[in-house]
Amino acid sequence: MNIPIDISNVVLKTDRLTLRRWRESDLADFYEYAKVDGVGQMAGWSPHKDLDESRKILSLFIDEKKTFAIEYNGKAIGSVGVEKYKEAQFPQLDNVKCRELGYVLNKDYWGMGIMPEAVSRIIDYLFENTDADAVLCGHFLWNKQSRRVQEKCGFEYLATGPYITTFGKEETEKMNILTREKWEKSKKSGG
C-alpha cells in the first residue's frame, strides 16, 4: 500500500548534492535537460516541446510535494520522484507500506555516479523518517543505466510487466524492491 509523503520541508545532503523541493527559479535548469532527446524517454516521457510545457510540469512537482530536485554546484540537474506505485499490479504488497522511486538526470551529468548517490540518500531518508516497509523502483529492460543505479542501491527483482509510456508506447518494465530489512542489514554491515 502507498504511504503518504510530503517533502515540502525536506532538504537532504550528500558529499556533492543537495536534494530539495523544486522552485520556480529552477525552470531554466529543468527545461535544459527535459527538452533533450533521449533523456525523458528513459523514464517514459517525451522531450518537452517548449518552456511552457516544462513550466506546467514544474508546477506539478512543486504542488504535489513528492519530487526532489537534484542540485549540483548550485544547478538543478535532475529529479527523484517518490511516486505512488500501481497497487493493482502488485497484490502481494497489499500489506506492505511502499513508495516507488522514479528518476531522471541531465545527460551532461551521466556517468558521474550522481544518481546512485541521490537515490541512496533518499532511500535512507524514507527508511529513517517514514514507516515504509519497502521502496520500489523500475526500469525498462533496455535501460542499462537505470538498472545499474538500482543494483548499486541494493534493489532486488520483484516482477516484470507492461508499462505504457506517456507517449503511448508499450515497454517491458522490470520492477525491483528494496525492503527495510535488507536496507538495515546493509547499514549494519557498512554498505
N, C-alpha and C. Protein backbone atom coordinates (compact mmCIF):
# COMPACT_ATOMS: atom_id res chain seq x y z
N MET A 1 0.84 -1.18 0.00
CA MET A 1 0.00 0.00 0.00
C MET A 1 0.89 1.25 0.00
N ASN A 2 0.42 2.26 -0.69
CA ASN A 2 1.17 3.51 -0.76
C ASN A 2 1.07 4.28 0.55
N ILE A 3 2.21 4.79 0.99
CA ILE A 3 2.23 5.63 2.18
C ILE A 3 2.16 7.09 1.77
N PRO A 4 1.67 7.98 2.64
CA PRO A 4 1.67 9.41 2.31
C PRO A 4 3.10 9.95 2.34
N ILE A 5 3.33 10.97 1.54
CA ILE A 5 4.66 11.60 1.52
C ILE A 5 4.48 13.10 1.30
N ASP A 6 5.31 13.89 1.95
CA ASP A 6 5.33 15.34 1.77
C ASP A 6 6.76 15.81 2.03
N ILE A 7 7.44 16.21 0.96
CA ILE A 7 8.85 16.63 1.09
C ILE A 7 9.00 18.15 1.16
N SER A 8 7.89 18.87 1.42
CA SER A 8 7.93 20.34 1.41
C SER A 8 9.08 20.94 2.19
N ASN A 9 9.35 20.38 3.36
CA ASN A 9 10.36 20.96 4.24
C ASN A 9 11.59 20.08 4.38
N VAL A 10 11.80 19.20 3.41
CA VAL A 10 12.91 18.26 3.48
C VAL A 10 14.05 18.74 2.59
N VAL A 11 15.24 18.81 3.17
CA VAL A 11 16.46 19.08 2.41
C VAL A 11 17.47 18.02 2.83
N LEU A 12 17.95 17.26 1.86
CA LEU A 12 18.91 16.20 2.12
C LEU A 12 20.24 16.56 1.48
N LYS A 13 21.32 16.18 2.11
CA LYS A 13 22.66 16.48 1.59
C LYS A 13 23.46 15.20 1.42
N THR A 14 24.34 15.22 0.43
CA THR A 14 25.37 14.20 0.28
C THR A 14 26.68 14.98 0.13
N ASP A 15 27.76 14.28 -0.12
CA ASP A 15 29.04 14.98 -0.30
C ASP A 15 28.98 16.00 -1.43
N ARG A 16 28.25 15.67 -2.51
CA ARG A 16 28.22 16.54 -3.68
C ARG A 16 26.87 17.19 -3.96
N LEU A 17 25.80 16.66 -3.39
CA LEU A 17 24.47 17.03 -3.83
C LEU A 17 23.62 17.63 -2.72
N THR A 18 22.65 18.44 -3.13
CA THR A 18 21.56 18.86 -2.27
C THR A 18 20.29 18.35 -2.94
N LEU A 19 19.48 17.64 -2.18
CA LEU A 19 18.20 17.11 -2.66
C LEU A 19 17.12 17.90 -1.94
N ARG A 20 16.32 18.60 -2.72
CA ARG A 20 15.37 19.56 -2.14
C ARG A 20 14.13 19.67 -3.01
N ARG A 21 13.16 20.38 -2.48
CA ARG A 21 11.94 20.65 -3.24
C ARG A 21 12.27 21.54 -4.43
N TRP A 22 11.54 21.37 -5.52
CA TRP A 22 11.71 22.21 -6.70
C TRP A 22 11.22 23.62 -6.41
N ARG A 23 11.81 24.60 -7.11
CA ARG A 23 11.41 26.00 -7.00
C ARG A 23 11.14 26.55 -8.41
N GLU A 24 10.31 27.56 -8.49
CA GLU A 24 10.02 28.18 -9.80
C GLU A 24 11.30 28.68 -10.46
N SER A 25 12.26 29.09 -9.67
CA SER A 25 13.53 29.60 -10.22
C SER A 25 14.36 28.50 -10.89
N ASP A 26 13.95 27.23 -10.76
CA ASP A 26 14.65 26.12 -11.41
C ASP A 26 14.19 25.88 -12.85
N LEU A 27 13.26 26.68 -13.34
CA LEU A 27 12.65 26.41 -14.64
C LEU A 27 13.68 26.27 -15.77
N ALA A 28 14.61 27.18 -15.88
CA ALA A 28 15.59 27.11 -16.98
C ALA A 28 16.44 25.84 -16.89
N ASP A 29 16.86 25.48 -15.67
CA ASP A 29 17.65 24.26 -15.49
C ASP A 29 16.83 23.03 -15.86
N PHE A 30 15.57 23.00 -15.46
CA PHE A 30 14.69 21.87 -15.75
C PHE A 30 14.50 21.72 -17.26
N TYR A 31 14.14 22.82 -17.90
CA TYR A 31 13.91 22.78 -19.36
C TYR A 31 15.18 22.37 -20.11
N GLU A 32 16.33 22.80 -19.61
CA GLU A 32 17.60 22.48 -20.26
C GLU A 32 17.76 20.98 -20.48
N TYR A 33 17.41 20.17 -19.48
CA TYR A 33 17.57 18.72 -19.68
C TYR A 33 16.29 18.04 -20.16
N ALA A 34 15.12 18.61 -19.83
CA ALA A 34 13.86 17.96 -20.19
C ALA A 34 13.59 18.03 -21.69
N LYS A 35 14.21 18.97 -22.39
CA LYS A 35 13.99 19.10 -23.84
C LYS A 35 14.91 18.19 -24.66
N VAL A 36 15.90 17.59 -24.03
CA VAL A 36 16.92 16.82 -24.75
C VAL A 36 16.39 15.43 -25.13
N ASP A 37 16.51 15.10 -26.39
CA ASP A 37 16.10 13.78 -26.87
C ASP A 37 16.95 12.71 -26.18
N GLY A 38 16.29 11.66 -25.72
CA GLY A 38 16.99 10.55 -25.07
C GLY A 38 16.99 10.62 -23.56
N VAL A 39 16.55 11.73 -22.98
CA VAL A 39 16.53 11.86 -21.52
C VAL A 39 15.19 11.37 -20.97
N GLY A 40 14.12 12.03 -21.34
CA GLY A 40 12.80 11.68 -20.82
C GLY A 40 12.35 10.28 -21.20
N GLN A 41 12.74 9.84 -22.39
CA GLN A 41 12.32 8.51 -22.84
C GLN A 41 12.81 7.41 -21.91
N MET A 42 13.94 7.63 -21.23
CA MET A 42 14.46 6.65 -20.28
C MET A 42 13.46 6.42 -19.14
N ALA A 43 12.62 7.44 -18.88
CA ALA A 43 11.64 7.36 -17.80
C ALA A 43 10.20 7.27 -18.31
N GLY A 44 10.03 7.22 -19.63
CA GLY A 44 8.69 7.03 -20.19
C GLY A 44 7.96 8.30 -20.59
N TRP A 45 8.68 9.42 -20.74
CA TRP A 45 8.03 10.65 -21.20
C TRP A 45 8.83 11.27 -22.35
N SER A 46 8.11 12.03 -23.17
CA SER A 46 8.71 12.67 -24.36
C SER A 46 9.48 13.93 -23.97
N PRO A 47 10.48 14.29 -24.80
CA PRO A 47 11.17 15.57 -24.56
C PRO A 47 10.16 16.72 -24.56
N HIS A 48 10.39 17.68 -23.69
CA HIS A 48 9.50 18.83 -23.61
C HIS A 48 9.61 19.67 -24.88
N LYS A 49 8.46 20.10 -25.36
CA LYS A 49 8.41 20.85 -26.63
C LYS A 49 8.82 22.31 -26.46
N ASP A 50 8.50 22.87 -25.28
CA ASP A 50 8.81 24.29 -25.06
C ASP A 50 8.87 24.58 -23.56
N LEU A 51 9.27 25.78 -23.26
CA LEU A 51 9.42 26.21 -21.87
C LEU A 51 8.09 26.14 -21.11
N ASP A 52 6.99 26.39 -21.81
CA ASP A 52 5.68 26.35 -21.15
C ASP A 52 5.34 24.94 -20.67
N GLU A 53 5.69 23.92 -21.44
CA GLU A 53 5.45 22.54 -21.00
C GLU A 53 6.25 22.24 -19.73
N SER A 54 7.51 22.66 -19.71
CA SER A 54 8.33 22.46 -18.51
C SER A 54 7.76 23.24 -17.32
N ARG A 55 7.24 24.44 -17.58
CA ARG A 55 6.66 25.26 -16.50
C ARG A 55 5.47 24.53 -15.87
N LYS A 56 4.60 23.93 -16.69
CA LYS A 56 3.43 23.22 -16.17
C LYS A 56 3.86 22.01 -15.32
N ILE A 57 4.85 21.27 -15.78
CA ILE A 57 5.30 20.09 -15.04
C ILE A 57 6.03 20.50 -13.76
N LEU A 58 6.81 21.57 -13.84
CA LEU A 58 7.48 22.09 -12.66
C LEU A 58 6.45 22.50 -11.60
N SER A 59 5.36 23.12 -12.02
CA SER A 59 4.29 23.48 -11.09
C SER A 59 3.71 22.25 -10.41
N LEU A 60 3.55 21.16 -11.16
CA LEU A 60 3.08 19.90 -10.56
C LEU A 60 4.08 19.40 -9.52
N PHE A 61 5.36 19.42 -9.87
CA PHE A 61 6.40 18.99 -8.92
C PHE A 61 6.27 19.77 -7.61
N ILE A 62 6.10 21.08 -7.73
CA ILE A 62 6.01 21.93 -6.54
C ILE A 62 4.73 21.64 -5.76
N ASP A 63 3.61 21.56 -6.46
CA ASP A 63 2.31 21.36 -5.80
C ASP A 63 2.16 19.97 -5.18
N GLU A 64 2.69 18.94 -5.83
CA GLU A 64 2.50 17.57 -5.36
C GLU A 64 3.41 17.20 -4.19
N LYS A 65 4.47 17.94 -3.96
CA LYS A 65 5.34 17.78 -2.78
C LYS A 65 5.90 16.37 -2.62
N LYS A 66 6.31 15.76 -3.76
CA LYS A 66 6.86 14.41 -3.70
C LYS A 66 8.08 14.22 -4.61
N THR A 67 8.54 15.30 -5.24
CA THR A 67 9.65 15.19 -6.18
C THR A 67 10.81 16.06 -5.74
N PHE A 68 11.96 15.42 -5.54
CA PHE A 68 13.18 16.13 -5.17
C PHE A 68 13.89 16.65 -6.42
N ALA A 69 14.40 17.87 -6.35
CA ALA A 69 15.35 18.37 -7.33
C ALA A 69 16.73 17.90 -6.89
N ILE A 70 17.55 17.49 -7.84
CA ILE A 70 18.94 17.16 -7.56
C ILE A 70 19.76 18.40 -7.91
N GLU A 71 20.33 19.01 -6.89
CA GLU A 71 21.13 20.22 -7.11
C GLU A 71 22.61 19.87 -6.99
N TYR A 72 23.37 20.27 -8.01
CA TYR A 72 24.81 20.01 -8.06
C TYR A 72 25.49 21.32 -8.44
N ASN A 73 26.39 21.79 -7.61
CA ASN A 73 27.08 23.07 -7.86
C ASN A 73 26.09 24.20 -8.15
N GLY A 74 24.99 24.24 -7.38
CA GLY A 74 24.02 25.32 -7.49
C GLY A 74 23.04 25.20 -8.64
N LYS A 75 23.06 24.10 -9.37
CA LYS A 75 22.21 23.92 -10.55
C LYS A 75 21.32 22.69 -10.37
N ALA A 76 20.04 22.80 -10.75
CA ALA A 76 19.13 21.64 -10.73
C ALA A 76 19.43 20.79 -11.97
N ILE A 77 19.92 19.57 -11.75
CA ILE A 77 20.35 18.74 -12.88
C ILE A 77 19.53 17.46 -13.04
N GLY A 78 18.52 17.29 -12.21
CA GLY A 78 17.70 16.09 -12.33
C GLY A 78 16.68 16.04 -11.22
N SER A 79 15.96 14.92 -11.17
CA SER A 79 14.92 14.78 -10.16
C SER A 79 14.79 13.32 -9.71
N VAL A 80 14.27 13.17 -8.50
CA VAL A 80 13.87 11.86 -7.99
C VAL A 80 12.48 12.04 -7.40
N GLY A 81 11.50 11.36 -7.99
CA GLY A 81 10.14 11.41 -7.50
C GLY A 81 9.86 10.24 -6.57
N VAL A 82 9.18 10.51 -5.48
CA VAL A 82 8.75 9.47 -4.55
C VAL A 82 7.29 9.20 -4.90
N GLU A 83 7.10 8.37 -5.91
CA GLU A 83 5.82 8.20 -6.57
C GLU A 83 4.94 7.15 -5.91
N LYS A 84 3.65 7.24 -6.20
CA LYS A 84 2.73 6.16 -5.84
C LYS A 84 2.93 5.04 -6.86
N TYR A 85 3.05 3.82 -6.38
CA TYR A 85 3.14 2.69 -7.31
C TYR A 85 1.73 2.21 -7.63
N LYS A 86 1.61 1.43 -8.69
CA LYS A 86 0.32 0.91 -9.13
C LYS A 86 -0.04 -0.30 -8.27
N GLU A 87 -0.81 -0.06 -7.22
CA GLU A 87 -1.14 -1.10 -6.25
C GLU A 87 -1.81 -2.32 -6.89
N ALA A 88 -2.66 -2.11 -7.88
CA ALA A 88 -3.38 -3.22 -8.52
C ALA A 88 -2.42 -4.20 -9.21
N GLN A 89 -1.25 -3.72 -9.63
CA GLN A 89 -0.28 -4.60 -10.30
C GLN A 89 0.50 -5.47 -9.32
N PHE A 90 0.48 -5.11 -8.05
CA PHE A 90 1.29 -5.82 -7.07
C PHE A 90 0.46 -6.20 -5.85
N PRO A 91 -0.51 -7.11 -6.02
CA PRO A 91 -1.36 -7.50 -4.88
C PRO A 91 -0.56 -8.12 -3.74
N GLN A 92 0.63 -8.66 -4.05
CA GLN A 92 1.47 -9.25 -2.99
C GLN A 92 1.98 -8.18 -2.02
N LEU A 93 1.81 -6.91 -2.37
CA LEU A 93 2.26 -5.82 -1.49
C LEU A 93 1.10 -5.14 -0.76
N ASP A 94 -0.07 -5.76 -0.76
CA ASP A 94 -1.25 -5.15 -0.13
C ASP A 94 -1.01 -4.76 1.32
N ASN A 95 -0.21 -5.52 2.05
CA ASN A 95 0.05 -5.23 3.46
C ASN A 95 1.46 -4.69 3.70
N VAL A 96 2.09 -4.23 2.64
CA VAL A 96 3.45 -3.71 2.72
C VAL A 96 3.39 -2.21 2.41
N LYS A 97 3.92 -1.39 3.31
CA LYS A 97 3.91 0.06 3.12
C LYS A 97 5.06 0.45 2.19
N CYS A 98 4.75 1.05 1.05
CA CYS A 98 5.75 1.33 0.00
C CYS A 98 5.54 2.68 -0.66
N ARG A 99 6.56 3.04 -1.41
CA ARG A 99 6.50 4.07 -2.45
C ARG A 99 7.44 3.59 -3.54
N GLU A 100 7.32 4.22 -4.72
CA GLU A 100 8.18 3.88 -5.86
C GLU A 100 9.02 5.10 -6.23
N LEU A 101 10.30 4.89 -6.47
CA LEU A 101 11.17 5.98 -6.91
C LEU A 101 11.24 6.01 -8.44
N GLY A 102 11.23 7.21 -8.97
CA GLY A 102 11.44 7.43 -10.39
C GLY A 102 12.43 8.57 -10.53
N TYR A 103 13.35 8.46 -11.47
CA TYR A 103 14.39 9.48 -11.55
C TYR A 103 14.83 9.77 -12.97
N VAL A 104 15.41 10.95 -13.14
CA VAL A 104 15.94 11.38 -14.43
C VAL A 104 17.09 12.35 -14.17
N LEU A 105 18.06 12.34 -15.08
CA LEU A 105 19.26 13.16 -14.89
C LEU A 105 19.67 13.82 -16.20
N ASN A 106 20.06 15.08 -16.10
CA ASN A 106 20.61 15.81 -17.24
C ASN A 106 21.72 14.99 -17.88
N LYS A 107 21.65 14.83 -19.20
CA LYS A 107 22.60 13.98 -19.94
C LYS A 107 24.06 14.40 -19.72
N ASP A 108 24.29 15.68 -19.48
CA ASP A 108 25.65 16.17 -19.27
C ASP A 108 26.30 15.61 -18.01
N TYR A 109 25.49 15.02 -17.12
CA TYR A 109 26.00 14.52 -15.84
C TYR A 109 25.93 12.99 -15.72
N TRP A 110 25.62 12.33 -16.83
CA TRP A 110 25.60 10.87 -16.82
C TRP A 110 27.01 10.33 -16.59
N GLY A 111 27.11 9.19 -15.95
CA GLY A 111 28.39 8.51 -15.75
C GLY A 111 29.23 9.06 -14.62
N MET A 112 28.68 9.92 -13.78
CA MET A 112 29.43 10.52 -12.67
C MET A 112 29.05 9.94 -11.31
N GLY A 113 28.14 8.95 -11.30
CA GLY A 113 27.70 8.36 -10.03
C GLY A 113 26.72 9.22 -9.25
N ILE A 114 26.17 10.24 -9.90
CA ILE A 114 25.27 11.16 -9.21
C ILE A 114 23.95 10.48 -8.83
N MET A 115 23.37 9.71 -9.76
CA MET A 115 22.06 9.14 -9.46
C MET A 115 22.11 8.09 -8.34
N PRO A 116 23.09 7.17 -8.32
CA PRO A 116 23.13 6.26 -7.17
C PRO A 116 23.30 7.01 -5.85
N GLU A 117 24.06 8.09 -5.87
CA GLU A 117 24.27 8.90 -4.66
C GLU A 117 22.95 9.53 -4.20
N ALA A 118 22.20 10.09 -5.14
CA ALA A 118 20.92 10.72 -4.81
C ALA A 118 19.89 9.68 -4.35
N VAL A 119 19.76 8.59 -5.09
CA VAL A 119 18.77 7.56 -4.75
C VAL A 119 19.09 6.94 -3.39
N SER A 120 20.35 6.65 -3.12
CA SER A 120 20.72 6.08 -1.82
C SER A 120 20.35 7.00 -0.67
N ARG A 121 20.58 8.29 -0.86
CA ARG A 121 20.26 9.25 0.21
C ARG A 121 18.75 9.33 0.44
N ILE A 122 17.98 9.28 -0.63
CA ILE A 122 16.52 9.33 -0.49
C ILE A 122 15.99 8.04 0.14
N ILE A 123 16.57 6.91 -0.21
CA ILE A 123 16.20 5.65 0.44
C ILE A 123 16.45 5.74 1.94
N ASP A 124 17.63 6.25 2.32
CA ASP A 124 17.94 6.42 3.75
C ASP A 124 16.88 7.30 4.41
N TYR A 125 16.54 8.40 3.76
CA TYR A 125 15.52 9.30 4.31
C TYR A 125 14.20 8.56 4.52
N LEU A 126 13.76 7.81 3.51
CA LEU A 126 12.47 7.13 3.61
C LEU A 126 12.45 6.12 4.76
N PHE A 127 13.51 5.32 4.88
CA PHE A 127 13.53 4.32 5.94
C PHE A 127 13.77 4.93 7.33
N GLU A 128 14.43 6.06 7.40
CA GLU A 128 14.71 6.71 8.68
C GLU A 128 13.57 7.61 9.15
N ASN A 129 12.74 8.10 8.22
CA ASN A 129 11.75 9.12 8.57
C ASN A 129 10.30 8.78 8.24
N THR A 130 10.05 7.64 7.64
CA THR A 130 8.67 7.22 7.37
C THR A 130 8.52 5.78 7.86
N ASP A 131 7.31 5.27 7.78
CA ASP A 131 7.07 3.88 8.18
C ASP A 131 7.11 2.93 6.98
N ALA A 132 7.78 3.31 5.93
CA ALA A 132 7.89 2.45 4.74
C ALA A 132 8.53 1.11 5.09
N ASP A 133 7.92 0.04 4.59
CA ASP A 133 8.48 -1.30 4.72
C ASP A 133 9.39 -1.63 3.54
N ALA A 134 9.15 -0.93 2.42
CA ALA A 134 9.91 -1.23 1.20
C ALA A 134 9.85 -0.03 0.26
N VAL A 135 10.81 0.01 -0.66
CA VAL A 135 10.85 1.01 -1.72
C VAL A 135 10.93 0.24 -3.03
N LEU A 136 10.13 0.64 -4.00
CA LEU A 136 10.13 0.03 -5.32
C LEU A 136 10.85 0.94 -6.30
N CYS A 137 11.37 0.35 -7.36
CA CYS A 137 12.00 1.12 -8.43
C CYS A 137 12.02 0.24 -9.67
N GLY A 138 11.61 0.80 -10.80
CA GLY A 138 11.57 0.02 -12.02
C GLY A 138 12.42 0.61 -13.12
N HIS A 139 12.66 -0.20 -14.14
CA HIS A 139 13.37 0.30 -15.32
C HIS A 139 12.93 -0.52 -16.54
N PHE A 140 13.01 0.11 -17.70
CA PHE A 140 12.73 -0.60 -18.94
C PHE A 140 13.88 -1.58 -19.18
N LEU A 141 13.59 -2.69 -19.82
CA LEU A 141 14.60 -3.74 -20.00
C LEU A 141 15.86 -3.21 -20.69
N TRP A 142 15.72 -2.29 -21.62
CA TRP A 142 16.86 -1.77 -22.38
C TRP A 142 17.63 -0.67 -21.64
N ASN A 143 17.12 -0.19 -20.52
CA ASN A 143 17.73 0.94 -19.82
C ASN A 143 18.80 0.43 -18.84
N LYS A 144 19.99 0.22 -19.37
CA LYS A 144 21.10 -0.33 -18.57
C LYS A 144 21.56 0.63 -17.47
N GLN A 145 21.52 1.94 -17.74
CA GLN A 145 21.95 2.91 -16.74
C GLN A 145 21.05 2.85 -15.50
N SER A 146 19.75 2.81 -15.73
CA SER A 146 18.82 2.75 -14.60
C SER A 146 18.95 1.43 -13.86
N ARG A 147 19.15 0.36 -14.61
CA ARG A 147 19.36 -0.95 -13.98
C ARG A 147 20.57 -0.90 -13.05
N ARG A 148 21.66 -0.29 -13.49
CA ARG A 148 22.88 -0.20 -12.68
C ARG A 148 22.66 0.63 -11.42
N VAL A 149 21.92 1.72 -11.53
CA VAL A 149 21.61 2.53 -10.35
C VAL A 149 20.92 1.65 -9.31
N GLN A 150 19.93 0.89 -9.75
CA GLN A 150 19.16 0.06 -8.82
C GLN A 150 20.02 -1.05 -8.22
N GLU A 151 20.88 -1.63 -9.02
CA GLU A 151 21.79 -2.66 -8.48
C GLU A 151 22.70 -2.06 -7.41
N LYS A 152 23.27 -0.90 -7.70
CA LYS A 152 24.17 -0.25 -6.74
C LYS A 152 23.47 0.12 -5.44
N CYS A 153 22.17 0.38 -5.53
CA CYS A 153 21.40 0.80 -4.35
C CYS A 153 20.78 -0.38 -3.60
N GLY A 154 21.01 -1.61 -4.06
CA GLY A 154 20.57 -2.79 -3.33
C GLY A 154 19.21 -3.35 -3.67
N PHE A 155 18.58 -2.85 -4.73
CA PHE A 155 17.26 -3.37 -5.12
C PHE A 155 17.38 -4.79 -5.64
N GLU A 156 16.31 -5.56 -5.42
CA GLU A 156 16.23 -6.94 -5.90
C GLU A 156 14.98 -7.11 -6.75
N TYR A 157 15.02 -8.07 -7.64
CA TYR A 157 13.93 -8.31 -8.58
C TYR A 157 12.60 -8.60 -7.87
N LEU A 158 11.54 -8.00 -8.38
CA LEU A 158 10.18 -8.27 -7.88
C LEU A 158 9.29 -8.85 -8.98
N ALA A 159 9.23 -8.18 -10.14
CA ALA A 159 8.32 -8.62 -11.21
C ALA A 159 8.68 -7.94 -12.52
N THR A 160 8.18 -8.52 -13.61
CA THR A 160 8.31 -7.92 -14.93
C THR A 160 6.92 -7.78 -15.52
N GLY A 161 6.65 -6.64 -16.15
CA GLY A 161 5.33 -6.45 -16.73
C GLY A 161 5.30 -5.30 -17.71
N PRO A 162 4.12 -5.05 -18.29
CA PRO A 162 3.98 -3.97 -19.27
C PRO A 162 3.93 -2.60 -18.60
N TYR A 163 4.38 -1.61 -19.35
CA TYR A 163 4.33 -0.22 -18.89
C TYR A 163 3.98 0.61 -20.12
N ILE A 164 2.96 1.44 -20.02
CA ILE A 164 2.57 2.32 -21.12
C ILE A 164 3.14 3.71 -20.84
N THR A 165 4.00 4.18 -21.74
CA THR A 165 4.63 5.49 -21.56
C THR A 165 3.61 6.60 -21.76
N THR A 166 4.00 7.82 -21.40
CA THR A 166 3.10 8.96 -21.60
C THR A 166 2.88 9.25 -23.08
N PHE A 167 3.75 8.73 -23.96
CA PHE A 167 3.55 8.92 -25.40
C PHE A 167 2.95 7.68 -26.06
N GLY A 168 2.39 6.76 -25.24
CA GLY A 168 1.60 5.65 -25.76
C GLY A 168 2.34 4.41 -26.21
N LYS A 169 3.64 4.36 -25.98
CA LYS A 169 4.42 3.18 -26.37
C LYS A 169 4.40 2.16 -25.22
N GLU A 170 4.22 0.88 -25.56
CA GLU A 170 4.29 -0.14 -24.52
C GLU A 170 5.72 -0.62 -24.37
N GLU A 171 6.21 -0.57 -23.16
CA GLU A 171 7.54 -1.05 -22.81
C GLU A 171 7.40 -2.23 -21.86
N THR A 172 8.47 -3.00 -21.70
CA THR A 172 8.51 -4.02 -20.67
C THR A 172 9.34 -3.45 -19.53
N GLU A 173 8.73 -3.44 -18.35
CA GLU A 173 9.39 -2.87 -17.18
C GLU A 173 9.75 -3.96 -16.19
N LYS A 174 10.96 -3.87 -15.69
CA LYS A 174 11.40 -4.75 -14.61
C LYS A 174 11.27 -3.96 -13.32
N MET A 175 10.43 -4.44 -12.39
CA MET A 175 10.23 -3.75 -11.12
C MET A 175 11.08 -4.43 -10.06
N ASN A 176 11.79 -3.62 -9.30
CA ASN A 176 12.66 -4.10 -8.24
C ASN A 176 12.20 -3.55 -6.89
N ILE A 177 12.66 -4.18 -5.83
CA ILE A 177 12.23 -3.81 -4.48
C ILE A 177 13.44 -3.82 -3.54
N LEU A 178 13.43 -2.89 -2.60
CA LEU A 178 14.39 -2.88 -1.52
C LEU A 178 13.58 -2.85 -0.23
N THR A 179 13.71 -3.88 0.59
CA THR A 179 12.97 -3.95 1.84
C THR A 179 13.74 -3.24 2.96
N ARG A 180 12.98 -2.82 3.95
CA ARG A 180 13.60 -2.21 5.14
C ARG A 180 14.61 -3.19 5.75
N GLU A 181 14.23 -4.45 5.81
CA GLU A 181 15.11 -5.47 6.41
C GLU A 181 16.45 -5.55 5.67
N LYS A 182 16.41 -5.56 4.34
CA LYS A 182 17.67 -5.63 3.58
C LYS A 182 18.48 -4.34 3.77
N TRP A 183 17.79 -3.21 3.78
CA TRP A 183 18.46 -1.93 3.98
C TRP A 183 19.15 -1.90 5.34
N GLU A 184 18.44 -2.36 6.40
CA GLU A 184 19.03 -2.37 7.74
C GLU A 184 20.26 -3.28 7.80
N LYS A 185 20.20 -4.44 7.18
CA LYS A 185 21.35 -5.36 7.15
C LYS A 185 22.52 -4.70 6.43
N SER A 186 22.23 -4.02 5.35
CA SER A 186 23.29 -3.34 4.58
C SER A 186 23.94 -2.24 5.42
N LYS A 187 23.14 -1.49 6.17
CA LYS A 187 23.68 -0.43 7.02
C LYS A 187 24.56 -0.99 8.14
N LYS A 188 24.11 -2.10 8.72
CA LYS A 188 24.88 -2.73 9.80
C LYS A 188 26.21 -3.27 9.32
N SER A 189 26.23 -3.71 8.05
CA SER A 189 27.48 -4.28 7.51
C SER A 189 28.33 -3.19 6.86
N GLY A 190 27.90 -1.93 6.96
CA GLY A 190 28.69 -0.81 6.43
C GLY A 190 28.43 -0.53 4.97
N GLY A 191 27.35 -1.08 4.42
CA GLY A 191 27.03 -0.89 2.99
C GLY A 191 26.34 0.38 2.69
